[in-house]
Amino acid sequence: MEILTREQRNGKNRTHFGEAPYFGLVTVRTSDDQIEHREILANPHLQVEKAKGIHVGEWLMGLKADVVLLREDIQGKGPAYLFADAGVETRPTRAKNLTEAMVEQKVGMSPA
């Protein structure tokens, strides 16, 4: 499962992890690297005043994320500690949208 923060459905990423209105969720079958499911989810913690990143991190872990793609460096911040403790891998990305991120990560590129 890979998740990428999204500013809006048309694909522009927001810089601050906890303030992203949308997250792209991709479930990938590990046996052949094929995409099983892809969806955009609204950030349910967008209106929280404090610790948005922590709330979002906990939410993503509840979705059983294995890998989180980030444009923002969260090292030394609460979400980074949450992900590290849970064994969730974080990877930097320069992708501007979910499709670019999937190409960058070579998700779903293996022949079926």
PDB file of N, CA and C in Angstrom:
ATOM      1  N   MET A   1       0.858  -1.157   0.000  1.00  0.00           N
ATOM      2  CA  MET A   1       0.000   0.000   0.000  1.00  0.00           C
ATOM      3  C   MET A   1       0.912   1.229   0.000  1.00  0.00           C
ATOM      4  N   GLU A   2       0.674   2.153  -0.892  1.00  0.00           N
ATOM      5  CA  GLU A   2       1.455   3.374  -0.935  1.00  0.00           C
ATOM      6  C   GLU A   2       0.517   4.561  -0.864  1.00  0.00           C
ATOM      7  N   ILE A   3       0.951   5.571  -0.170  1.00  0.00           N
ATOM      8  CA  ILE A   3       0.110   6.743   0.027  1.00  0.00           C
ATOM      9  C   ILE A   3       0.915   7.983  -0.317  1.00  0.00           C
ATOM     10  N   LEU A   4       0.266   8.911  -0.997  1.00  0.00           N
ATOM     11  CA  LEU A   4       0.910  10.153  -1.385  1.00  0.00           C
ATOM     12  C   LEU A   4       0.008  11.301  -1.000  1.00  0.00           C
ATOM     13  N   THR A   5       0.533  12.282  -0.286  1.00  0.00           N
ATOM     14  CA  THR A   5      -0.296  13.422   0.050  1.00  0.00           C
ATOM     15  C   THR A   5      -0.652  14.180  -1.202  1.00  0.00           C
ATOM     16  N   ARG A   6      -1.880  14.728  -1.224  1.00  0.00           N
ATOM     17  CA  ARG A   6      -2.364  15.439  -2.401  1.00  0.00           C
ATOM     18  C   ARG A   6      -3.018  16.742  -1.986  1.00  0.00           C
ATOM     19  N   GLU A   7      -2.767  17.812  -2.684  1.00  0.00           N
ATOM     20  CA  GLU A   7      -3.416  19.081  -2.375  1.00  0.00           C
ATOM     21  C   GLU A   7      -4.836  19.103  -2.898  1.00  0.00           C
ATOM     22  N   GLN A   8      -5.026  18.610  -4.085  1.00  0.00           N
ATOM     23  CA  GLN A   8      -6.351  18.583  -4.678  1.00  0.00           C
ATOM     24  C   GLN A   8      -6.422  17.449  -5.682  1.00  0.00           C
ATOM     25  N   ARG A   9      -7.611  17.064  -6.050  1.00  0.00           N
ATOM     26  CA  ARG A   9      -7.784  15.900  -6.921  1.00  0.00           C
ATOM     27  C   ARG A   9      -7.112  16.055  -8.276  1.00  0.00           C
ATOM     28  N   ASN A  10      -6.828  17.262  -8.706  1.00  0.00           N
ATOM     29  CA  ASN A  10      -6.176  17.427 -10.010  1.00  0.00           C
ATOM     30  C   ASN A  10      -4.679  17.178  -9.937  1.00  0.00           C
ATOM     31  N   GLY A  11      -4.164  16.901  -8.748  1.00  0.00           N
ATOM     32  CA  GLY A  11      -2.814  16.389  -8.679  1.00  0.00           C
ATOM     33  C   GLY A  11      -1.733  17.235  -8.069  1.00  0.00           C
ATOM     34  N   LYS A  12      -1.982  18.440  -7.622  1.00  0.00           N
ATOM     35  CA  LYS A  12      -0.903  19.243  -7.065  1.00  0.00           C
ATOM     36  C   LYS A  12      -0.679  18.886  -5.598  1.00  0.00           C
ATOM     37  N   ASN A  13       0.569  18.589  -5.258  1.00  0.00           N
ATOM     38  CA  ASN A  13       0.914  18.226  -3.890  1.00  0.00           C
ATOM     39  C   ASN A  13       1.019  19.456  -3.007  1.00  0.00           C
ATOM     40  N   ARG A  14       0.629  19.294  -1.778  1.00  0.00           N
ATOM     41  CA  ARG A  14       0.795  20.342  -0.770  1.00  0.00           C
ATOM     42  C   ARG A  14       2.078  20.027  -0.022  1.00  0.00           C
ATOM     43  N   THR A  15       2.727  21.034   0.521  1.00  0.00           N
ATOM     44  CA  THR A  15       3.995  20.832   1.183  1.00  0.00           C
ATOM     45  C   THR A  15       3.840  20.260   2.590  1.00  0.00           C
ATOM     46  N   HIS A  16       2.927  20.777   3.399  1.00  0.00           N
ATOM     47  CA  HIS A  16       2.802  20.344   4.786  1.00  0.00           C
ATOM     48  C   HIS A  16       1.974  19.064   4.874  1.00  0.00           C
ATOM     49  N   PHE A  17       2.585  18.028   5.397  1.00  0.00           N
ATOM     50  CA  PHE A  17       1.985  16.695   5.460  1.00  0.00           C
ATOM     51  C   PHE A  17       0.579  16.688   6.067  1.00  0.00           C
ATOM     52  N   GLY A  18       0.399  17.263   7.228  1.00  0.00           N
ATOM     53  CA  GLY A  18      -0.887  17.222   7.914  1.00  0.00           C
ATOM     54  C   GLY A  18      -1.962  18.082   7.296  1.00  0.00           C
ATOM     55  N   GLU A  19      -1.583  19.001   6.413  1.00  0.00           N
ATOM     56  CA  GLU A  19      -2.547  19.922   5.809  1.00  0.00           C
ATOM     57  C   GLU A  19      -2.988  19.510   4.403  1.00  0.00           C
ATOM     58  N   ALA A  20      -2.553  18.368   3.956  1.00  0.00           N
ATOM     59  CA  ALA A  20      -2.977  17.903   2.628  1.00  0.00           C
ATOM     60  C   ALA A  20      -4.447  17.520   2.671  1.00  0.00           C
ATOM     61  N   PRO A  21      -5.278  18.132   1.822  1.00  0.00           N
ATOM     62  CA  PRO A  21      -6.704  17.801   1.835  1.00  0.00           C
ATOM     63  C   PRO A  21      -7.013  16.387   1.370  1.00  0.00           C
ATOM     64  N   TYR A  22      -6.146  15.815   0.532  1.00  0.00           N
ATOM     65  CA  TYR A  22      -6.392  14.485  -0.021  1.00  0.00           C
ATOM     66  C   TYR A  22      -5.145  13.625   0.059  1.00  0.00           C
ATOM     67  N   PHE A  23      -5.363  12.327   0.113  1.00  0.00           N
ATOM     68  CA  PHE A  23      -4.285  11.346   0.092  1.00  0.00           C
ATOM     69  C   PHE A  23      -4.624  10.312  -0.963  1.00  0.00           C
ATOM     70  N   GLY A  24      -3.643   9.952  -1.756  1.00  0.00           N
ATOM     71  CA  GLY A  24      -3.829   8.892  -2.739  1.00  0.00           C
ATOM     72  C   GLY A  24      -3.432   7.573  -2.109  1.00  0.00           C
ATOM     73  N   LEU A  25      -4.280   6.597  -2.233  1.00  0.00           N
ATOM     74  CA  LEU A  25      -4.049   5.272  -1.656  1.00  0.00           C
ATOM     75  C   LEU A  25      -3.983   4.249  -2.782  1.00  0.00           C
ATOM     76  N   VAL A  26      -2.898   3.496  -2.810  1.00  0.00           N
ATOM     77  CA  VAL A  26      -2.720   2.472  -3.837  1.00  0.00           C
ATOM     78  C   VAL A  26      -2.376   1.161  -3.147  1.00  0.00           C
ATOM     79  N   THR A  27      -3.140   0.125  -3.442  1.00  0.00           N
ATOM     80  CA  THR A  27      -2.843  -1.210  -2.929  1.00  0.00           C
ATOM     81  C   THR A  27      -2.190  -1.990  -4.051  1.00  0.00           C
ATOM     82  N   VAL A  28      -0.996  -2.519  -3.772  1.00  0.00           N
ATOM     83  CA  VAL A  28      -0.207  -3.223  -4.783  1.00  0.00           C
ATOM     84  C   VAL A  28      -0.022  -4.671  -4.352  1.00  0.00           C
ATOM     85  N   ARG A  29      -0.321  -5.591  -5.248  1.00  0.00           N
ATOM     86  CA  ARG A  29      -0.110  -7.021  -5.005  1.00  0.00           C
ATOM     87  C   ARG A  29       1.392  -7.285  -5.105  1.00  0.00           C
ATOM     88  N   THR A  30       1.998  -7.757  -4.033  1.00  0.00           N
ATOM     89  CA  THR A  30       3.447  -7.922  -4.001  1.00  0.00           C
ATOM     90  C   THR A  30       3.950  -9.065  -4.874  1.00  0.00           C
ATOM     91  N   SER A  31       3.112 -10.045  -5.144  1.00  0.00           N
ATOM     92  CA  SER A  31       3.574 -11.190  -5.933  1.00  0.00           C
ATOM     93  C   SER A  31       3.956 -10.806  -7.364  1.00  0.00           C
ATOM     94  N   ASP A  32       3.243  -9.812  -7.938  1.00  0.00           N
ATOM     95  CA  ASP A  32       3.547  -9.415  -9.309  1.00  0.00           C
ATOM     96  C   ASP A  32       3.555  -7.899  -9.507  1.00  0.00           C
ATOM     97  N   ASP A  33       3.508  -7.143  -8.424  1.00  0.00           N
ATOM     98  CA  ASP A  33       3.599  -5.680  -8.461  1.00  0.00           C
ATOM     99  C   ASP A  33       2.463  -5.026  -9.247  1.00  0.00           C
ATOM    100  N   GLN A  34       1.318  -5.670  -9.285  1.00  0.00           N
ATOM    101  CA  GLN A  34       0.166  -5.111  -9.998  1.00  0.00           C
ATOM    102  C   GLN A  34      -0.744  -4.365  -9.034  1.00  0.00           C
ATOM    103  N   ILE A  35      -1.364  -3.310  -9.525  1.00  0.00           N
ATOM    104  CA  ILE A  35      -2.256  -2.484  -8.717  1.00  0.00           C
ATOM    105  C   ILE A  35      -3.581  -3.215  -8.532  1.00  0.00           C
ATOM    106  N   GLU A  36      -3.975  -3.383  -7.274  1.00  0.00           N
ATOM    107  CA  GLU A  36      -5.255  -4.011  -6.958  1.00  0.00           C
ATOM    108  C   GLU A  36      -6.342  -2.969  -6.720  1.00  0.00           C
ATOM    109  N   HIS A  37      -5.948  -1.835  -6.181  1.00  0.00           N
ATOM    110  CA  HIS A  37      -6.935  -0.807  -5.828  1.00  0.00           C
ATOM    111  C   HIS A  37      -6.245   0.547  -5.794  1.00  0.00           C
ATOM    112  N   ARG A  38      -6.980   1.572  -6.216  1.00  0.00           N
ATOM    113  CA  ARG A  38      -6.454   2.942  -6.213  1.00  0.00           C
ATOM    114  C   ARG A  38      -7.617   3.873  -5.897  1.00  0.00           C
ATOM    115  N   GLU A  39      -7.420   4.781  -4.921  1.00  0.00           N
ATOM    116  CA  GLU A  39      -8.467   5.739  -4.587  1.00  0.00           C
ATOM    117  C   GLU A  39      -7.876   6.995  -3.969  1.00  0.00           C
ATOM    118  N   ILE A  40      -8.680   8.040  -3.973  1.00  0.00           N
ATOM    119  CA  ILE A  40      -8.319   9.301  -3.336  1.00  0.00           C
ATOM    120  C   ILE A  40      -9.197   9.441  -2.095  1.00  0.00           C
ATOM    121  N   LEU A  41      -8.567   9.705  -0.958  1.00  0.00           N
ATOM    122  CA  LEU A  41      -9.283   9.850   0.303  1.00  0.00           C
ATOM    123  C   LEU A  41      -9.118  11.271   0.833  1.00  0.00           C
ATOM    124  N   ALA A  42     -10.199  11.848   1.314  1.00  0.00           N
ATOM    125  CA  ALA A  42     -10.142  13.171   1.931  1.00  0.00           C
ATOM    126  C   ALA A  42      -9.486  13.051   3.305  1.00  0.00           C
ATOM    127  N   ASN A  43      -8.704  14.037   3.667  1.00  0.00           N
ATOM    128  CA  ASN A  43      -8.054  14.098   4.972  1.00  0.00           C
ATOM    129  C   ASN A  43      -9.118  14.374   6.035  1.00  0.00           C
ATOM    130  N   PRO A  44      -9.406  13.410   6.909  1.00  0.00           N
ATOM    131  CA  PRO A  44     -10.431  13.620   7.924  1.00  0.00           C
ATOM    132  C   PRO A  44      -9.977  14.521   9.067  1.00  0.00           C
ATOM    133  N   HIS A  45      -8.711  14.907   9.072  1.00  0.00           N
ATOM    134  CA  HIS A  45      -8.154  15.717  10.160  1.00  0.00           C
ATOM    135  C   HIS A  45      -7.761  17.120   9.716  1.00  0.00           C
ATOM    136  N   LEU A  46      -8.248  17.522   8.587  1.00  0.00           N
ATOM    137  CA  LEU A  46      -7.879  18.808   8.012  1.00  0.00           C
ATOM    138  C   LEU A  46      -8.249  19.986   8.909  1.00  0.00           C
ATOM    139  N   GLN A  47      -9.335  19.877   9.639  1.00  0.00           N
ATOM    140  CA  GLN A  47      -9.808  20.980  10.477  1.00  0.00           C
ATOM    141  C   GLN A  47      -9.261  20.952  11.904  1.00  0.00           C
ATOM    142  N   VAL A  48      -8.463  19.940  12.246  1.00  0.00           N
ATOM    143  CA  VAL A  48      -7.859  19.864  13.574  1.00  0.00           C
ATOM    144  C   VAL A  48      -6.869  21.020  13.716  1.00  0.00           C
ATOM    145  N   GLU A  49      -6.911  21.701  14.853  1.00  0.00           N
ATOM    146  CA  GLU A  49      -6.042  22.876  15.026  1.00  0.00           C
ATOM    147  C   GLU A  49      -4.592  22.524  15.328  1.00  0.00           C
ATOM    148  N   LYS A  50      -4.362  21.510  16.148  1.00  0.00           N
ATOM    149  CA  LYS A  50      -2.996  21.160  16.543  1.00  0.00           C
ATOM    150  C   LYS A  50      -2.714  19.695  16.242  1.00  0.00           C
ATOM    151  N   ALA A  51      -1.453  19.418  15.977  1.00  0.00           N
ATOM    152  CA  ALA A  51      -0.956  18.052  15.764  1.00  0.00           C
ATOM    153  C   ALA A  51      -1.643  17.355  14.588  1.00  0.00           C
ATOM    154  N   LYS A  52      -1.904  18.098  13.514  1.00  0.00           N
ATOM    155  CA  LYS A  52      -2.538  17.500  12.331  1.00  0.00           C
ATOM    156  C   LYS A  52      -1.715  16.324  11.796  1.00  0.00           C
ATOM    157  N   GLY A  53      -0.408  16.514  11.749  1.00  0.00           N
ATOM    158  CA  GLY A  53       0.457  15.468  11.212  1.00  0.00           C
ATOM    159  C   GLY A  53       0.380  14.181  12.008  1.00  0.00           C
ATOM    160  N   ILE A  54       0.304  14.291  13.328  1.00  0.00           N
ATOM    161  CA  ILE A  54       0.177  13.110  14.193  1.00  0.00           C
ATOM    162  C   ILE A  54      -1.154  12.409  13.917  1.00  0.00           C
ATOM    163  N   HIS A  55      -2.222  13.188  13.861  1.00  0.00           N
ATOM    164  CA  HIS A  55      -3.538  12.610  13.596  1.00  0.00           C
ATOM    165  C   HIS A  55      -3.571  11.919  12.233  1.00  0.00           C
ATOM    166  N   VAL A  56      -3.006  12.571  11.240  1.00  0.00           N
ATOM    167  CA  VAL A  56      -2.977  11.976   9.895  1.00  0.00           C
ATOM    168  C   VAL A  56      -2.117  10.715   9.891  1.00  0.00           C
ATOM    169  N   GLY A  57      -0.980  10.766  10.560  1.00  0.00           N
ATOM    170  CA  GLY A  57      -0.125   9.577  10.639  1.00  0.00           C
ATOM    171  C   GLY A  57      -0.838   8.401  11.270  1.00  0.00           C
ATOM    172  N   GLU A  58      -1.549   8.645  12.354  1.00  0.00           N
ATOM    173  CA  GLU A  58      -2.308   7.573  13.009  1.00  0.00           C
ATOM    174  C   GLU A  58      -3.401   7.034  12.083  1.00  0.00           C
ATOM    175  N   TRP A  59      -4.062   7.933  11.377  1.00  0.00           N
ATOM    176  CA  TRP A  59      -5.105   7.533  10.423  1.00  0.00           C
ATOM    177  C   TRP A  59      -4.524   6.644   9.326  1.00  0.00           C
ATOM    178  N   LEU A  60      -3.378   7.056   8.763  1.00  0.00           N
ATOM    179  CA  LEU A  60      -2.746   6.273   7.701  1.00  0.00           C
ATOM    180  C   LEU A  60      -2.305   4.905   8.209  1.00  0.00           C
ATOM    181  N   MET A  61      -1.799   4.861   9.436  1.00  0.00           N
ATOM    182  CA  MET A  61      -1.416   3.568  10.009  1.00  0.00           C
ATOM    183  C   MET A  61      -2.648   2.692  10.202  1.00  0.00           C
ATOM    184  N   GLY A  62      -3.776   3.307  10.539  1.00  0.00           N
ATOM    185  CA  GLY A  62      -5.030   2.557  10.642  1.00  0.00           C
ATOM    186  C   GLY A  62      -5.469   1.978   9.312  1.00  0.00           C
ATOM    187  N   LEU A  63      -5.044   2.610   8.223  1.00  0.00           N
ATOM    188  CA  LEU A  63      -5.329   2.095   6.879  1.00  0.00           C
ATOM    189  C   LEU A  63      -4.312   1.022   6.464  1.00  0.00           C
ATOM    190  N   LYS A  64      -3.397   0.720   7.382  1.00  0.00           N
ATOM    191  CA  LYS A  64      -2.367  -0.311   7.184  1.00  0.00           C
ATOM    192  C   LYS A  64      -1.367   0.045   6.090  1.00  0.00           C
ATOM    193  N   ALA A  65      -0.970   1.302   6.066  1.00  0.00           N
ATOM    194  CA  ALA A  65       0.034   1.747   5.098  1.00  0.00           C
ATOM    195  C   ALA A  65       1.372   1.074   5.377  1.00  0.00           C
ATOM    196  N   ASP A  66       2.015   0.613   4.335  1.00  0.00           N
ATOM    197  CA  ASP A  66       3.362   0.048   4.421  1.00  0.00           C
ATOM    198  C   ASP A  66       4.412   1.074   4.044  1.00  0.00           C
ATOM    199  N   VAL A  67       4.049   1.924   3.074  1.00  0.00           N
ATOM    200  CA  VAL A  67       4.964   2.926   2.529  1.00  0.00           C
ATOM    201  C   VAL A  67       4.202   4.242   2.395  1.00  0.00           C
ATOM    202  N   VAL A  68       4.844   5.330   2.808  1.00  0.00           N
ATOM    203  CA  VAL A  68       4.260   6.659   2.646  1.00  0.00           C
ATOM    204  C   VAL A  68       5.234   7.494   1.824  1.00  0.00           C
ATOM    205  N   LEU A  69       4.744   8.028   0.714  1.00  0.00           N
ATOM    206  CA  LEU A  69       5.554   8.897  -0.136  1.00  0.00           C
ATOM    207  C   LEU A  69       5.308  10.332   0.297  1.00  0.00           C
ATOM    208  N   LEU A  70       6.389  11.082   0.465  1.00  0.00           N
ATOM    209  CA  LEU A  70       6.293  12.436   1.000  1.00  0.00           C
ATOM    210  C   LEU A  70       7.129  13.419   0.204  1.00  0.00           C
ATOM    211  N   ARG A  71       6.560  14.587  -0.024  1.00  0.00           N
ATOM    212  CA  ARG A  71       7.339  15.679  -0.604  1.00  0.00           C
ATOM    213  C   ARG A  71       8.027  16.470   0.491  1.00  0.00           C
ATOM    214  N   GLU A  72       7.485  16.433   1.677  1.00  0.00           N
ATOM    215  CA  GLU A  72       8.032  17.169   2.818  1.00  0.00           C
ATOM    216  C   GLU A  72       8.951  16.249   3.619  1.00  0.00           C
ATOM    217  N   ASP A  73      10.064  16.787   4.105  1.00  0.00           N
ATOM    218  CA  ASP A  73      10.935  16.030   4.999  1.00  0.00           C
ATOM    219  C   ASP A  73      10.333  16.093   6.397  1.00  0.00           C
ATOM    220  N   ILE A  74       9.889  14.963   6.918  1.00  0.00           N
ATOM    221  CA  ILE A  74       9.259  14.938   8.239  1.00  0.00           C
ATOM    222  C   ILE A  74      10.196  14.399   9.317  1.00  0.00           C
ATOM    223  N   GLN A  75      11.464  14.190   8.971  1.00  0.00           N
ATOM    224  CA  GLN A  75      12.406  13.678   9.958  1.00  0.00           C
ATOM    225  C   GLN A  75      12.467  14.620  11.158  1.00  0.00           C
ATOM    226  N   GLY A  76      12.444  14.035  12.351  1.00  0.00           N
ATOM    227  CA  GLY A  76      12.480  14.812  13.581  1.00  0.00           C
ATOM    228  C   GLY A  76      11.116  15.350  13.991  1.00  0.00           C
ATOM    229  N   LYS A  77      10.086  15.004  13.241  1.00  0.00           N
ATOM    230  CA  LYS A  77       8.728  15.451  13.551  1.00  0.00           C
ATOM    231  C   LYS A  77       7.894  14.256  14.003  1.00  0.00           C
ATOM    232  N   GLY A  78       6.793  14.548  14.676  1.00  0.00           N
ATOM    233  CA  GLY A  78       5.935  13.501  15.227  1.00  0.00           C
ATOM    234  C   GLY A  78       5.555  12.394  14.276  1.00  0.00           C
ATOM    235  N   PRO A  79       5.071  12.716  13.056  1.00  0.00           N
ATOM    236  CA  PRO A  79       4.688  11.637  12.140  1.00  0.00           C
ATOM    237  C   PRO A  79       5.852  10.696  11.793  1.00  0.00           C
ATOM    238  N   ALA A  80       7.060  11.218  11.700  1.00  0.00           N
ATOM    239  CA  ALA A  80       8.214  10.372  11.388  1.00  0.00           C
ATOM    240  C   ALA A  80       8.429   9.339  12.493  1.00  0.00           C
ATOM    241  N   TYR A  81       8.272   9.768  13.750  1.00  0.00           N
ATOM    242  CA  TYR A  81       8.432   8.842  14.872  1.00  0.00           C
ATOM    243  C   TYR A  81       7.316   7.797  14.881  1.00  0.00           C
ATOM    244  N   LEU A  82       6.091   8.220  14.589  1.00  0.00           N
ATOM    245  CA  LEU A  82       4.967   7.275  14.507  1.00  0.00           C
ATOM    246  C   LEU A  82       5.235   6.207  13.458  1.00  0.00           C
ATOM    247  N   PHE A  83       5.618   6.657  12.263  1.00  0.00           N
ATOM    248  CA  PHE A  83       5.855   5.720  11.174  1.00  0.00           C
ATOM    249  C   PHE A  83       7.019   4.780  11.494  1.00  0.00           C
ATOM    250  N   ALA A  84       8.098   5.320  12.041  1.00  0.00           N
ATOM    251  CA  ALA A  84       9.256   4.490  12.378  1.00  0.00           C
ATOM    252  C   ALA A  84       8.885   3.430  13.414  1.00  0.00           C
ATOM    253  N   ASP A  85       8.152   3.820  14.447  1.00  0.00           N
ATOM    254  CA  ASP A  85       7.743   2.871  15.488  1.00  0.00           C
ATOM    255  C   ASP A  85       6.834   1.784  14.933  1.00  0.00           C
ATOM    256  N   ALA A  86       6.035   2.113  13.940  1.00  0.00           N
ATOM    257  CA  ALA A  86       5.088   1.156  13.350  1.00  0.00           C
ATOM    258  C   ALA A  86       5.702   0.359  12.203  1.00  0.00           C
ATOM    259  N   GLY A  87       6.944   0.663  11.824  1.00  0.00           N
ATOM    260  CA  GLY A  87       7.581  -0.041  10.721  1.00  0.00           C
ATOM    261  C   GLY A  87       7.098   0.404   9.354  1.00  0.00           C
ATOM    262  N   VAL A  88       6.527   1.614   9.285  1.00  0.00           N
ATOM    263  CA  VAL A  88       6.057   2.158   8.012  1.00  0.00           C
ATOM    264  C   VAL A  88       7.228   2.880   7.339  1.00  0.00           C
ATOM    265  N   GLU A  89       7.527   2.494   6.128  1.00  0.00           N
ATOM    266  CA  GLU A  89       8.628   3.109   5.383  1.00  0.00           C
ATOM    267  C   GLU A  89       8.183   4.449   4.802  1.00  0.00           C
ATOM    268  N   THR A  90       9.028   5.457   4.914  1.00  0.00           N
ATOM    269  CA  THR A  90       8.754   6.741   4.268  1.00  0.00           C
ATOM    270  C   THR A  90       9.780   6.932   3.159  1.00  0.00           C
ATOM    271  N   ARG A  91       9.311   7.458   2.027  1.00  0.00           N
ATOM    272  CA  ARG A  91      10.183   7.705   0.885  1.00  0.00           C
ATOM    273  C   ARG A  91       9.923   9.112   0.363  1.00  0.00           C
ATOM    274  N   PRO A  92      10.988   9.802   0.007  1.00  0.00           N
ATOM    275  CA  PRO A  92      10.786  11.124  -0.600  1.00  0.00           C
ATOM    276  C   PRO A  92      10.301  10.966  -2.037  1.00  0.00           C
ATOM    277  N   THR A  93       9.561  11.954  -2.507  1.00  0.00           N
ATOM    278  CA  THR A  93       9.112  11.945  -3.890  1.00  0.00           C
ATOM    279  C   THR A  93       9.128  13.364  -4.433  1.00  0.00           C
ATOM    280  N   ARG A  94       9.321  13.463  -5.716  1.00  0.00           N
ATOM    281  CA  ARG A  94       9.202  14.746  -6.411  1.00  0.00           C
ATOM    282  C   ARG A  94       7.971  14.760  -7.298  1.00  0.00           C
ATOM    283  N   ALA A  95       7.227  13.677  -7.266  1.00  0.00           N
ATOM    284  CA  ALA A  95       6.044  13.543  -8.119  1.00  0.00           C
ATOM    285  C   ALA A  95       5.046  14.646  -7.817  1.00  0.00           C
ATOM    286  N   LYS A  96       4.374  15.091  -8.861  1.00  0.00           N
ATOM    287  CA  LYS A  96       3.382  16.156  -8.718  1.00  0.00           C
ATOM    288  C   LYS A  96       1.977  15.617  -8.551  1.00  0.00           C
ATOM    289  N   ASN A  97       1.787  14.315  -8.784  1.00  0.00           N
ATOM    290  CA  ASN A  97       0.472  13.710  -8.606  1.00  0.00           C
ATOM    291  C   ASN A  97       0.646  12.209  -8.399  1.00  0.00           C
ATOM    292  N   LEU A  98      -0.469  11.546  -8.131  1.00  0.00           N
ATOM    293  CA  LEU A  98      -0.422  10.123  -7.813  1.00  0.00           C
ATOM    294  C   LEU A  98       0.094   9.291  -8.983  1.00  0.00           C
ATOM    295  N   THR A  99      -0.317   9.617 -10.193  1.00  0.00           N
ATOM    296  CA  THR A  99       0.144   8.871 -11.362  1.00  0.00           C
ATOM    297  C   THR A  99       1.656   8.987 -11.515  1.00  0.00           C
ATOM    298  N   GLU A 100       2.186  10.196 -11.381  1.00  0.00           N
ATOM    299  CA  GLU A 100       3.641  10.383 -11.464  1.00  0.00           C
ATOM    300  C   GLU A 100       4.358   9.604 -10.367  1.00  0.00           C
ATOM    301  N   ALA A 101       3.794   9.592  -9.182  1.00  0.00           N
ATOM    302  CA  ALA A 101       4.407   8.862  -8.069  1.00  0.00           C
ATOM    303  C   ALA A 101       4.456   7.367  -8.354  1.00  0.00           C
ATOM    304  N   MET A 102       3.393   6.856  -8.946  1.00  0.00           N
ATOM    305  CA  MET A 102       3.354   5.428  -9.275  1.00  0.00           C
ATOM    306  C   MET A 102       4.405   5.089 -10.337  1.00  0.00           C
ATOM    307  N   VAL A 103       4.585   5.968 -11.310  1.00  0.00           N
ATOM    308  CA  VAL A 103       5.613   5.763 -12.327  1.00  0.00           C
ATOM    309  C   VAL A 103       6.990   5.859 -11.680  1.00  0.00           C
ATOM    310  N   GLU A 104       7.194   6.878 -10.834  1.00  0.00           N
ATOM    311  CA  GLU A 104       8.465   7.068 -10.147  1.00  0.00           C
ATOM    312  C   GLU A 104       8.844   5.850  -9.314  1.00  0.00           C
ATOM    313  N   GLN A 105       7.875   5.266  -8.647  1.00  0.00           N
ATOM    314  CA  GLN A 105       8.107   4.105  -7.774  1.00  0.00           C
ATOM    315  C   GLN A 105       8.020   2.786  -8.526  1.00  0.00           C
ATOM    316  N   LYS A 106       7.724   2.863  -9.830  1.00  0.00           N
ATOM    317  CA  LYS A 106       7.598   1.685 -10.694  1.00  0.00           C
ATOM    318  C   LYS A 106       6.507   0.735 -10.199  1.00  0.00           C
ATOM    319  N   VAL A 107       5.418   1.329  -9.694  1.00  0.00           N
ATOM    320  CA  VAL A 107       4.273   0.548  -9.220  1.00  0.00           C
ATOM    321  C   VAL A 107       3.411   0.160 -10.401  1.00  0.00           C
ATOM    322  N   GLY A 108       3.075  -1.103 -10.498  1.00  0.00           N
ATOM    323  CA  GLY A 108       2.213  -1.583 -11.567  1.00  0.00           C
ATOM    324  C   GLY A 108       2.893  -1.651 -12.912  1.00  0.00           C
ATOM    325  N   MET A 109       4.212  -1.608 -12.950  1.00  0.00           N
ATOM    326  CA  MET A 109       4.933  -1.590 -14.216  1.00  0.00           C
ATOM    327  C   MET A 109       5.343  -2.979 -14.687  1.00  0.00           C
ATOM    328  N   SER A 110       5.253  -3.971 -13.801  1.00  0.00           N
ATOM    329  CA  SER A 110       5.625  -5.319 -14.193  1.00  0.00           C
ATOM    330  C   SER A 110       4.566  -5.898 -15.118  1.00  0.00           C
ATOM    331  N   PRO A 111       4.967  -6.696 -16.094  1.00  0.00           N
ATOM    332  CA  PRO A 111       3.976  -7.337 -16.955  1.00  0.00           C
ATOM    333  C   PRO A 111       3.114  -8.282 -16.128  1.00  0.00           C
ATOM    334  N   ALA A 112       1.823  -8.319 -16.447  1.00  0.00           N
ATOM    335  CA  ALA A 112       0.889  -9.179 -15.698  1.00  0.00           C
ATOM    336  C   ALA A 112       1.143 -10.634 -15.976  1.00  0.00           C
TER     337      ALA A 112
END
